[in-house]
Structure formats: C-alpha cells, structure tokens
Amino acid sequence: MSNNEDNPLSHLLSENPLHFYSEDELDAIESIDAVMALRLAKVQHMAAKTERQYQDVEVDMVLLESAIEDVKKILSMDGGDIELLGVEERVVKVQMKGACVGCPNAVLDLKNVVERLVFEKVPGVKAVTNSF
C-alpha cells in the first residue's frame, strides 16, 4: 500500500516545516481533515503574530555570543566548533568548523543544537544559517 493510500493528506502537506499554507491549500486539507486544517491555520496565525512581535527587535549580541559559547562546549565534545559570523535582518550566520565540516550530522546539529539553544536564549532571532 502506498503512502497516499495510507494517508490521503500526504500529497497536500509540505515537508518544509516553515511552509505557510494558502487559503486554497487549507480548504483542500479541510475537505479531508477539518481538524488538521484548523490546527495548521492556528499554528500559522501564532507564527505570524510572533513574527510581527519581533520584527523591530534587535538581536542582543551579548546573549547571542553567550549562546554560541554554550554551543561551542557541546560541539567540542565531538571535535566540532562553530564561529559566529554576524547577524543580518535577525538571521544569525555561523560557520560550523572542526569535525563538523563534512560531517553528515552537521545539518542536524545546526537544527537540533545550534538553533534550539539560540532560539531559547536570544529573543528575536528568525533563523540560524551555516555559511561556508
């Protein structure tokens, strides 16, 4: 049995967790699962509200540098390192270094370690990207 037969929503749902669904997309989802459409609409509303709340907030560099130091401690346990390159429009730019370079887990570490710690400690950060 294929995925589409298991889940009739699979062709309508985006794999990108940052995807904002249009009204037409939400209507199509609602025709199959009204609860799922309501949940997606609610999450999108909350995300938009949070984005508006922080759009004029400047990233506190002292908090950011502290968060990056915490990340360095975690990455160094496996021989990795990270350098803070700067911030542009609330997007934190870092460079993964050491054992992180070429490591297949570097993408996961960026999301699960770096982003998580930065988002927890530094209000207003929109995203964290690895620059090469």
N, C-alpha and C. Protein backbone atom coordinates (compact mmCIF):
# COMPACT_ATOMS: atom_id res chain seq x y z
N MET A 1 0.84 -1.18 0.00
CA MET A 1 0.00 0.00 0.00
C MET A 1 0.89 1.24 0.00
N SER A 2 0.61 2.20 -0.85
CA SER A 2 1.45 3.40 -0.95
C SER A 2 1.11 4.38 0.16
N ASN A 3 1.98 5.38 0.29
CA ASN A 3 1.78 6.41 1.31
C ASN A 3 0.47 7.16 1.11
N ASN A 4 0.12 7.47 -0.16
CA ASN A 4 -1.11 8.19 -0.43
C ASN A 4 -2.33 7.40 -0.01
N GLU A 5 -2.26 6.08 -0.10
CA GLU A 5 -3.38 5.25 0.33
C GLU A 5 -3.46 5.20 1.85
N ASP A 6 -2.31 5.23 2.51
CA ASP A 6 -2.27 5.24 3.97
C ASP A 6 -2.75 6.56 4.53
N ASN A 7 -2.35 7.65 3.89
CA ASN A 7 -2.67 8.98 4.38
C ASN A 7 -3.13 9.84 3.20
N PRO A 8 -4.43 10.09 3.11
CA PRO A 8 -4.92 10.88 1.97
C PRO A 8 -4.45 12.33 1.99
N LEU A 9 -3.86 12.78 3.09
CA LEU A 9 -3.35 14.15 3.18
C LEU A 9 -1.91 14.29 2.69
N SER A 10 -1.21 13.18 2.50
CA SER A 10 0.23 13.24 2.22
C SER A 10 0.57 14.09 1.01
N HIS A 11 -0.26 14.10 -0.01
CA HIS A 11 0.05 14.91 -1.20
C HIS A 11 -0.25 16.39 -0.99
N LEU A 12 -0.96 16.73 0.09
CA LEU A 12 -1.30 18.13 0.37
C LEU A 12 -0.38 18.78 1.39
N LEU A 13 0.31 17.97 2.18
CA LEU A 13 1.14 18.51 3.26
C LEU A 13 2.58 18.71 2.78
N SER A 14 3.15 19.84 3.17
CA SER A 14 4.52 20.16 2.79
C SER A 14 5.51 19.50 3.75
N GLU A 15 6.63 19.06 3.22
CA GLU A 15 7.70 18.53 4.07
C GLU A 15 8.48 19.65 4.75
N ASN A 16 8.34 20.86 4.23
CA ASN A 16 9.02 22.03 4.79
C ASN A 16 8.25 22.52 6.01
N PRO A 17 8.85 22.44 7.22
CA PRO A 17 8.12 22.86 8.42
C PRO A 17 7.84 24.36 8.46
N LEU A 18 8.48 25.16 7.62
CA LEU A 18 8.26 26.60 7.59
C LEU A 18 7.26 27.03 6.52
N HIS A 19 6.68 26.07 5.83
CA HIS A 19 5.72 26.37 4.77
C HIS A 19 4.45 26.99 5.34
N PHE A 20 4.01 28.11 4.75
CA PHE A 20 2.73 28.71 5.12
C PHE A 20 1.72 28.30 4.05
N TYR A 21 0.65 27.68 4.50
CA TYR A 21 -0.38 27.19 3.59
C TYR A 21 -1.29 28.33 3.16
N SER A 22 -1.62 28.36 1.85
CA SER A 22 -2.56 29.34 1.32
C SER A 22 -3.98 28.94 1.73
N GLU A 23 -4.90 29.84 1.54
CA GLU A 23 -6.31 29.53 1.83
C GLU A 23 -6.79 28.35 0.99
N ASP A 24 -6.38 28.31 -0.27
CA ASP A 24 -6.78 27.20 -1.15
C ASP A 24 -6.23 25.87 -0.63
N GLU A 25 -4.97 25.89 -0.17
CA GLU A 25 -4.37 24.67 0.37
C GLU A 25 -5.10 24.23 1.64
N LEU A 26 -5.40 25.20 2.51
CA LEU A 26 -6.13 24.87 3.75
C LEU A 26 -7.52 24.34 3.44
N ASP A 27 -8.17 24.90 2.42
CA ASP A 27 -9.50 24.41 2.03
C ASP A 27 -9.42 22.97 1.54
N ALA A 28 -8.39 22.65 0.77
CA ALA A 28 -8.22 21.28 0.28
C ALA A 28 -7.97 20.32 1.43
N ILE A 29 -7.16 20.73 2.39
CA ILE A 29 -6.89 19.91 3.57
C ILE A 29 -8.17 19.75 4.39
N GLU A 30 -8.91 20.84 4.53
CA GLU A 30 -10.15 20.80 5.32
C GLU A 30 -11.17 19.83 4.72
N SER A 31 -11.18 19.69 3.41
CA SER A 31 -12.12 18.76 2.78
C SER A 31 -11.85 17.31 3.16
N ILE A 32 -10.63 17.03 3.60
CA ILE A 32 -10.26 15.68 4.01
C ILE A 32 -10.21 15.55 5.53
N ASP A 33 -9.65 16.58 6.20
CA ASP A 33 -9.48 16.52 7.65
C ASP A 33 -9.62 17.93 8.22
N ALA A 34 -10.82 18.25 8.68
CA ALA A 34 -11.11 19.60 9.19
C ALA A 34 -10.28 19.94 10.41
N VAL A 35 -10.01 18.97 11.27
CA VAL A 35 -9.22 19.22 12.48
C VAL A 35 -7.78 19.59 12.11
N MET A 36 -7.20 18.87 11.15
CA MET A 36 -5.84 19.16 10.71
C MET A 36 -5.77 20.57 10.12
N ALA A 37 -6.75 20.94 9.30
CA ALA A 37 -6.77 22.27 8.70
C ALA A 37 -6.86 23.35 9.77
N LEU A 38 -7.67 23.12 10.77
CA LEU A 38 -7.81 24.07 11.88
C LEU A 38 -6.49 24.21 12.65
N ARG A 39 -5.85 23.09 12.91
CA ARG A 39 -4.55 23.13 13.62
C ARG A 39 -3.50 23.90 12.82
N LEU A 40 -3.43 23.62 11.52
CA LEU A 40 -2.46 24.32 10.68
C LEU A 40 -2.74 25.82 10.65
N ALA A 41 -4.00 26.20 10.51
CA ALA A 41 -4.37 27.61 10.49
C ALA A 41 -4.01 28.29 11.81
N LYS A 42 -4.24 27.60 12.91
CA LYS A 42 -3.93 28.16 14.23
C LYS A 42 -2.43 28.36 14.41
N VAL A 43 -1.65 27.36 14.04
CA VAL A 43 -0.19 27.46 14.15
C VAL A 43 0.33 28.59 13.27
N GLN A 44 -0.18 28.71 12.06
CA GLN A 44 0.25 29.78 11.16
C GLN A 44 -0.09 31.15 11.75
N HIS A 45 -1.27 31.27 12.35
CA HIS A 45 -1.67 32.54 12.96
C HIS A 45 -0.72 32.90 14.10
N MET A 46 -0.40 31.92 14.93
CA MET A 46 0.51 32.16 16.06
C MET A 46 1.91 32.53 15.56
N ALA A 47 2.38 31.88 14.52
CA ALA A 47 3.70 32.17 13.96
C ALA A 47 3.75 33.58 13.38
N ALA A 48 2.70 33.97 12.68
CA ALA A 48 2.64 35.32 12.11
C ALA A 48 2.62 36.37 13.21
N LYS A 49 1.89 36.09 14.27
CA LYS A 49 1.81 37.01 15.40
C LYS A 49 3.19 37.16 16.06
N THR A 50 3.88 36.06 16.24
CA THR A 50 5.22 36.09 16.84
C THR A 50 6.18 36.86 15.93
N GLU A 51 6.10 36.63 14.63
CA GLU A 51 6.96 37.33 13.67
C GLU A 51 6.73 38.85 13.76
N ARG A 52 5.48 39.28 13.81
CA ARG A 52 5.18 40.71 13.94
C ARG A 52 5.71 41.26 15.25
N GLN A 53 5.62 40.48 16.31
CA GLN A 53 6.07 40.90 17.64
C GLN A 53 7.57 41.19 17.64
N TYR A 54 8.35 40.42 16.89
CA TYR A 54 9.79 40.55 16.93
C TYR A 54 10.39 41.30 15.74
N GLN A 55 9.58 41.77 14.81
CA GLN A 55 10.14 42.34 13.60
C GLN A 55 11.00 43.58 13.84
N ASP A 56 10.75 44.32 14.91
CA ASP A 56 11.55 45.51 15.21
C ASP A 56 12.57 45.28 16.32
N VAL A 57 12.70 44.04 16.78
CA VAL A 57 13.62 43.72 17.86
C VAL A 57 15.02 43.52 17.30
N GLU A 58 16.00 44.17 17.93
CA GLU A 58 17.38 43.95 17.55
C GLU A 58 17.92 42.77 18.35
N VAL A 59 18.69 41.94 17.70
CA VAL A 59 19.26 40.78 18.36
C VAL A 59 20.32 41.25 19.36
N ASP A 60 20.18 40.80 20.60
CA ASP A 60 21.12 41.15 21.67
C ASP A 60 22.40 40.34 21.45
N MET A 61 23.47 41.03 21.06
CA MET A 61 24.72 40.35 20.72
C MET A 61 25.37 39.69 21.94
N VAL A 62 25.19 40.26 23.13
CA VAL A 62 25.76 39.65 24.34
C VAL A 62 25.10 38.29 24.59
N LEU A 63 23.76 38.25 24.48
CA LEU A 63 23.05 36.98 24.65
C LEU A 63 23.43 35.99 23.56
N LEU A 64 23.56 36.49 22.34
CA LEU A 64 23.90 35.62 21.21
C LEU A 64 25.30 35.03 21.40
N GLU A 65 26.25 35.85 21.77
CA GLU A 65 27.62 35.35 21.98
C GLU A 65 27.65 34.31 23.11
N SER A 66 26.85 34.54 24.15
CA SER A 66 26.77 33.58 25.25
C SER A 66 26.18 32.25 24.76
N ALA A 67 25.14 32.32 23.94
CA ALA A 67 24.52 31.11 23.40
C ALA A 67 25.50 30.35 22.52
N ILE A 68 26.27 31.08 21.70
CA ILE A 68 27.26 30.44 20.83
C ILE A 68 28.35 29.78 21.66
N GLU A 69 28.74 30.39 22.77
CA GLU A 69 29.73 29.76 23.66
C GLU A 69 29.20 28.44 24.22
N ASP A 70 27.91 28.41 24.58
CA ASP A 70 27.29 27.17 25.06
C ASP A 70 27.31 26.11 23.96
N VAL A 71 27.03 26.53 22.74
CA VAL A 71 27.05 25.61 21.60
C VAL A 71 28.46 25.06 21.39
N LYS A 72 29.46 25.94 21.49
CA LYS A 72 30.85 25.51 21.31
C LYS A 72 31.21 24.38 22.28
N LYS A 73 30.76 24.51 23.52
CA LYS A 73 31.05 23.49 24.53
C LYS A 73 30.46 22.14 24.12
N ILE A 74 29.25 22.17 23.59
CA ILE A 74 28.58 20.93 23.18
C ILE A 74 29.28 20.32 21.96
N LEU A 75 29.54 21.15 20.95
CA LEU A 75 30.17 20.65 19.72
C LEU A 75 31.59 20.16 19.97
N SER A 76 32.30 20.79 20.91
CA SER A 76 33.69 20.40 21.16
C SER A 76 33.81 18.99 21.73
N MET A 77 32.74 18.47 22.30
CA MET A 77 32.77 17.11 22.83
C MET A 77 33.03 16.08 21.74
N ASP A 78 32.68 16.43 20.49
CA ASP A 78 32.91 15.53 19.36
C ASP A 78 33.93 16.10 18.38
N GLY A 79 34.71 17.09 18.81
CA GLY A 79 35.73 17.67 17.96
C GLY A 79 35.25 18.76 17.04
N GLY A 80 34.02 19.21 17.23
CA GLY A 80 33.46 20.26 16.38
C GLY A 80 33.65 21.64 16.98
N ASP A 81 33.36 22.64 16.18
CA ASP A 81 33.46 24.03 16.63
C ASP A 81 32.51 24.87 15.79
N ILE A 82 32.31 26.10 16.21
CA ILE A 82 31.42 27.00 15.50
C ILE A 82 31.94 28.41 15.66
N GLU A 83 31.77 29.21 14.62
CA GLU A 83 32.16 30.62 14.67
C GLU A 83 30.96 31.48 14.31
N LEU A 84 30.73 32.50 15.11
CA LEU A 84 29.66 33.46 14.83
C LEU A 84 30.19 34.46 13.80
N LEU A 85 29.54 34.51 12.64
CA LEU A 85 29.98 35.41 11.57
C LEU A 85 29.27 36.76 11.62
N GLY A 86 28.04 36.75 12.12
CA GLY A 86 27.29 38.00 12.19
C GLY A 86 25.80 37.77 12.15
N VAL A 87 25.06 38.87 12.11
CA VAL A 87 23.60 38.83 12.07
C VAL A 87 23.13 39.81 11.01
N GLU A 88 22.25 39.36 10.13
CA GLU A 88 21.63 40.22 9.12
C GLU A 88 20.13 40.00 9.15
N GLU A 89 19.39 41.06 9.42
CA GLU A 89 17.93 41.00 9.44
C GLU A 89 17.43 39.86 10.33
N ARG A 90 18.02 39.74 11.52
CA ARG A 90 17.65 38.76 12.54
C ARG A 90 18.00 37.33 12.16
N VAL A 91 18.78 37.14 11.10
CA VAL A 91 19.27 35.81 10.72
C VAL A 91 20.71 35.71 11.19
N VAL A 92 20.96 34.74 12.06
CA VAL A 92 22.29 34.53 12.62
C VAL A 92 23.08 33.67 11.64
N LYS A 93 24.27 34.17 11.27
CA LYS A 93 25.13 33.44 10.34
C LYS A 93 26.31 32.88 11.13
N VAL A 94 26.48 31.57 11.02
CA VAL A 94 27.57 30.89 11.71
C VAL A 94 28.34 30.06 10.69
N GLN A 95 29.51 29.63 11.12
CA GLN A 95 30.28 28.68 10.30
C GLN A 95 30.64 27.50 11.19
N MET A 96 30.16 26.33 10.79
CA MET A 96 30.50 25.10 11.51
C MET A 96 31.94 24.76 11.13
N LYS A 97 32.73 24.39 12.15
CA LYS A 97 34.16 24.15 11.93
C LYS A 97 34.58 22.84 12.58
N GLY A 98 35.85 22.55 12.47
CA GLY A 98 36.40 21.35 13.09
C GLY A 98 35.78 20.09 12.50
N ALA A 99 35.44 19.15 13.37
CA ALA A 99 34.87 17.88 12.93
C ALA A 99 33.50 18.05 12.29
N CYS A 100 32.87 19.21 12.49
CA CYS A 100 31.55 19.47 11.88
C CYS A 100 31.64 19.60 10.36
N VAL A 101 32.81 20.04 9.87
CA VAL A 101 32.99 20.21 8.42
C VAL A 101 32.97 18.84 7.77
N GLY A 102 32.04 18.63 6.88
CA GLY A 102 31.93 17.36 6.18
C GLY A 102 31.20 16.27 6.95
N CYS A 103 30.81 16.55 8.17
CA CYS A 103 30.10 15.55 8.97
C CYS A 103 28.65 15.46 8.51
N PRO A 104 28.14 14.25 8.29
CA PRO A 104 26.75 14.12 7.85
C PRO A 104 25.74 14.59 8.91
N ASN A 105 26.15 14.66 10.17
CA ASN A 105 25.25 15.12 11.23
C ASN A 105 25.28 16.62 11.43
N ALA A 106 26.11 17.34 10.69
CA ALA A 106 26.24 18.78 10.88
C ALA A 106 24.91 19.51 10.67
N VAL A 107 24.14 19.07 9.69
CA VAL A 107 22.84 19.71 9.43
C VAL A 107 21.91 19.50 10.62
N LEU A 108 21.90 18.28 11.16
CA LEU A 108 21.08 18.00 12.34
C LEU A 108 21.57 18.78 13.55
N ASP A 109 22.88 18.87 13.72
CA ASP A 109 23.42 19.64 14.83
C ASP A 109 23.06 21.11 14.72
N LEU A 110 23.06 21.64 13.51
CA LEU A 110 22.69 23.03 13.30
C LEU A 110 21.25 23.25 13.77
N LYS A 111 20.36 22.35 13.41
CA LYS A 111 18.94 22.50 13.78
C LYS A 111 18.69 22.13 15.24
N ASN A 112 19.20 20.99 15.67
CA ASN A 112 18.85 20.46 16.99
C ASN A 112 19.69 21.02 18.14
N VAL A 113 20.85 21.53 17.85
CA VAL A 113 21.70 22.08 18.91
C VAL A 113 21.80 23.60 18.78
N VAL A 114 22.34 24.05 17.66
CA VAL A 114 22.60 25.49 17.50
C VAL A 114 21.30 26.29 17.52
N GLU A 115 20.38 25.98 16.60
CA GLU A 115 19.13 26.73 16.55
C GLU A 115 18.36 26.65 17.87
N ARG A 116 18.27 25.46 18.43
CA ARG A 116 17.50 25.30 19.65
C ARG A 116 18.04 26.19 20.76
N LEU A 117 19.35 26.17 20.98
CA LEU A 117 19.94 27.00 22.03
C LEU A 117 19.82 28.49 21.73
N VAL A 118 20.07 28.87 20.50
CA VAL A 118 19.97 30.29 20.13
C VAL A 118 18.54 30.78 20.29
N PHE A 119 17.57 30.02 19.80
CA PHE A 119 16.17 30.43 19.93
C PHE A 119 15.74 30.53 21.38
N GLU A 120 16.22 29.61 22.22
CA GLU A 120 15.86 29.63 23.65
C GLU A 120 16.43 30.84 24.37
N LYS A 121 17.64 31.24 24.01
CA LYS A 121 18.34 32.26 24.77
C LYS A 121 18.28 33.67 24.19
N VAL A 122 17.96 33.78 22.89
CA VAL A 122 18.05 35.08 22.23
C VAL A 122 16.73 35.43 21.55
N PRO A 123 15.96 36.34 22.15
CA PRO A 123 14.69 36.74 21.54
C PRO A 123 14.92 37.45 20.20
N GLY A 124 14.00 37.22 19.27
CA GLY A 124 14.02 37.93 18.01
C GLY A 124 14.79 37.30 16.89
N VAL A 125 15.50 36.19 17.14
CA VAL A 125 16.24 35.54 16.07
C VAL A 125 15.25 34.82 15.16
N LYS A 126 15.37 35.07 13.88
CA LYS A 126 14.47 34.47 12.90
C LYS A 126 14.96 33.11 12.43
N ALA A 127 16.27 32.99 12.24
CA ALA A 127 16.84 31.74 11.73
C ALA A 127 18.33 31.72 12.03
N VAL A 128 18.91 30.53 11.91
CA VAL A 128 20.35 30.33 12.01
C VAL A 128 20.80 29.61 10.76
N THR A 129 21.80 30.16 10.09
CA THR A 129 22.29 29.52 8.87
C THR A 129 23.78 29.26 8.96
N ASN A 130 24.20 28.18 8.31
CA ASN A 130 25.62 27.83 8.25
C ASN A 130 26.18 28.40 6.94
N SER A 131 27.16 29.26 7.05
CA SER A 131 27.81 29.82 5.87
C SER A 131 29.14 29.11 5.67
N PHE A 132 29.46 28.81 4.44
CA PHE A 132 30.68 28.08 4.16
C PHE A 132 31.77 28.99 3.70
